Amino acid sequence: MAEKEMRNFALRDKDGNEIGVFTGKQPRQAALKAANRGHKDIRLRERGTKKVHVFTGERKQVTKPKGAPVWMPDKIWKPVVKKVGIEYLDKPETEAKKVVVVKRRK
């Protein structure tokens, strides 16, 4: 079975501006990375497509696992995300309009 390739997901703010890029084999993996950096409303546009994956996320502080190495602190941050849905982007209006300039001779 072929191994899945890494995909790029652009993090969008509420205005639609892309403020960061996270990678992962699945959108959830990229959303976990965004949540671990403190983002709560996570909207990831999959590069090369018009899909926007929408998640809600948070960070929780939990005790370290039993088999953790000695150097790990007693409390660690754990990201939690929940998928809300998928949105699709429309074509930008600037692509649809073409301006034709006609020069006339006198």
Protein backbone atom coordinates (compact mmCIF):
# COMPACT_ATOMS: atom_id res chain seq x y z
CA MET A 1 0.00 0.00 0.00
CA ALA A 2 1.33 3.42 -0.94
CA GLU A 3 2.19 5.79 1.87
CA LYS A 4 0.21 9.05 1.97
CA GLU A 5 2.08 12.21 1.10
CA MET A 6 2.30 15.28 3.31
CA ARG A 7 -0.12 18.06 2.36
CA ASN A 8 0.04 21.78 3.08
CA PHE A 9 -2.79 23.62 4.79
CA ALA A 10 -2.91 27.42 5.02
CA LEU A 11 -4.34 28.81 8.27
CA ARG A 12 -6.88 31.59 7.59
CA ASP A 13 -8.06 34.26 10.01
CA LYS A 14 -11.65 35.50 10.27
CA ASP A 15 -11.04 38.03 7.44
CA GLY A 16 -9.80 35.32 5.05
CA ASN A 17 -6.12 36.30 5.22
CA GLU A 18 -3.68 33.41 5.29
CA ILE A 19 -1.52 33.77 8.39
CA GLY A 20 0.41 30.50 8.49
CA VAL A 21 1.01 27.10 6.90
CA PHE A 22 0.79 23.75 8.66
CA THR A 23 1.60 20.37 7.13
CA GLY A 24 0.13 16.95 7.75
CA LYS A 25 -1.11 13.83 6.02
CA GLN A 26 -4.66 14.65 7.13
CA PRO A 27 -6.34 18.02 7.92
CA ARG A 28 -6.77 16.97 11.56
CA GLN A 29 -3.02 16.56 11.99
CA ALA A 30 -2.44 20.13 10.75
CA ALA A 31 -5.29 21.37 12.98
CA LEU A 32 -3.67 19.77 16.04
CA LYS A 33 -0.45 21.65 15.26
CA ALA A 34 -2.38 24.93 14.95
CA ALA A 35 -4.26 24.29 18.22
CA ASN A 36 -1.00 23.54 20.00
CA ARG A 37 0.18 27.04 19.06
CA GLY A 38 -2.92 28.57 20.67
CA HIS A 39 -5.38 29.00 17.77
CA LYS A 40 -9.02 28.40 18.72
CA ASP A 41 -11.00 29.06 15.51
CA ILE A 42 -9.05 27.00 12.97
CA ARG A 43 -9.85 27.37 9.27
CA LEU A 44 -7.39 25.45 7.08
CA ARG A 45 -7.42 25.88 3.29
CA GLU A 46 -5.99 22.85 1.57
CA ARG A 47 -3.36 24.05 -0.88
CA GLY A 48 -4.23 23.28 -4.49
CA THR A 49 -7.96 22.92 -3.79
CA LYS A 50 -10.87 25.16 -2.84
CA LYS A 51 -11.64 23.26 0.37
CA VAL A 52 -11.54 24.99 3.75
CA HIS A 53 -11.54 22.57 6.69
CA VAL A 54 -13.12 24.20 9.77
CA PHE A 55 -12.14 23.09 13.29
CA THR A 56 -12.52 24.34 16.85
CA GLY A 57 -9.48 23.82 19.01
CA GLU A 58 -7.96 24.37 22.41
CA ARG A 59 -4.97 23.45 24.53
CA LYS A 60 -5.31 21.58 27.81
CA GLN A 61 -2.63 21.16 30.42
CA VAL A 62 -2.42 17.53 31.53
CA THR A 63 -0.01 15.42 33.57
CA LYS A 64 2.74 13.69 31.66
CA PRO A 65 2.20 10.05 30.57
CA LYS A 66 3.61 7.20 32.67
CA GLY A 67 6.30 6.15 30.19
CA ALA A 68 7.55 9.72 29.62
CA PRO A 69 11.28 10.50 29.72
CA VAL A 70 12.79 12.05 32.85
CA TRP A 71 13.50 15.41 31.18
CA MET A 72 9.77 15.97 30.39
CA PRO A 73 8.02 18.37 32.80
CA ASP A 74 5.22 17.11 35.09
CA LYS A 75 2.56 19.10 33.19
CA ILE A 76 2.40 19.19 29.37
CA TRP A 77 0.09 20.90 26.84
CA LYS A 78 -2.21 18.63 24.85
CA PRO A 79 -4.11 19.97 21.80
CA VAL A 80 -7.76 19.00 21.28
CA VAL A 81 -9.66 19.69 18.03
CA LYS A 82 -13.16 18.98 16.76
CA LYS A 83 -14.09 19.19 13.09
CA VAL A 84 -17.04 21.49 12.39
CA GLY A 85 -17.22 20.94 8.63
CA ILE A 86 -15.87 21.77 5.19
CA GLU A 87 -16.52 24.95 3.21
CA TYR A 88 -15.78 25.55 -0.45
CA LEU A 89 -14.34 28.77 -1.84
CA ASP A 90 -15.92 30.43 -4.87
CA LYS A 91 -13.90 31.73 -7.79
CA PRO A 92 -12.48 35.18 -7.13
CA GLU A 93 -14.29 37.89 -9.10
CA THR A 94 -11.03 39.28 -10.47
CA GLU A 95 -10.45 36.11 -12.50
CA ALA A 96 -13.87 36.24 -14.13
CA LYS A 97 -13.57 39.82 -15.42
CA LYS A 98 -11.27 40.65 -18.31
CA VAL A 99 -10.60 44.14 -19.54
CA VAL A 100 -10.01 44.55 -23.26
CA VAL A 101 -8.41 47.78 -24.44
CA VAL A 102 -8.98 48.70 -28.08
CA LYS A 103 -6.77 51.36 -29.62
CA ARG A 104 -8.29 53.28 -32.52
CA ARG A 105 -6.31 55.04 -35.19
CA LYS A 106 -7.26 58.56 -36.21
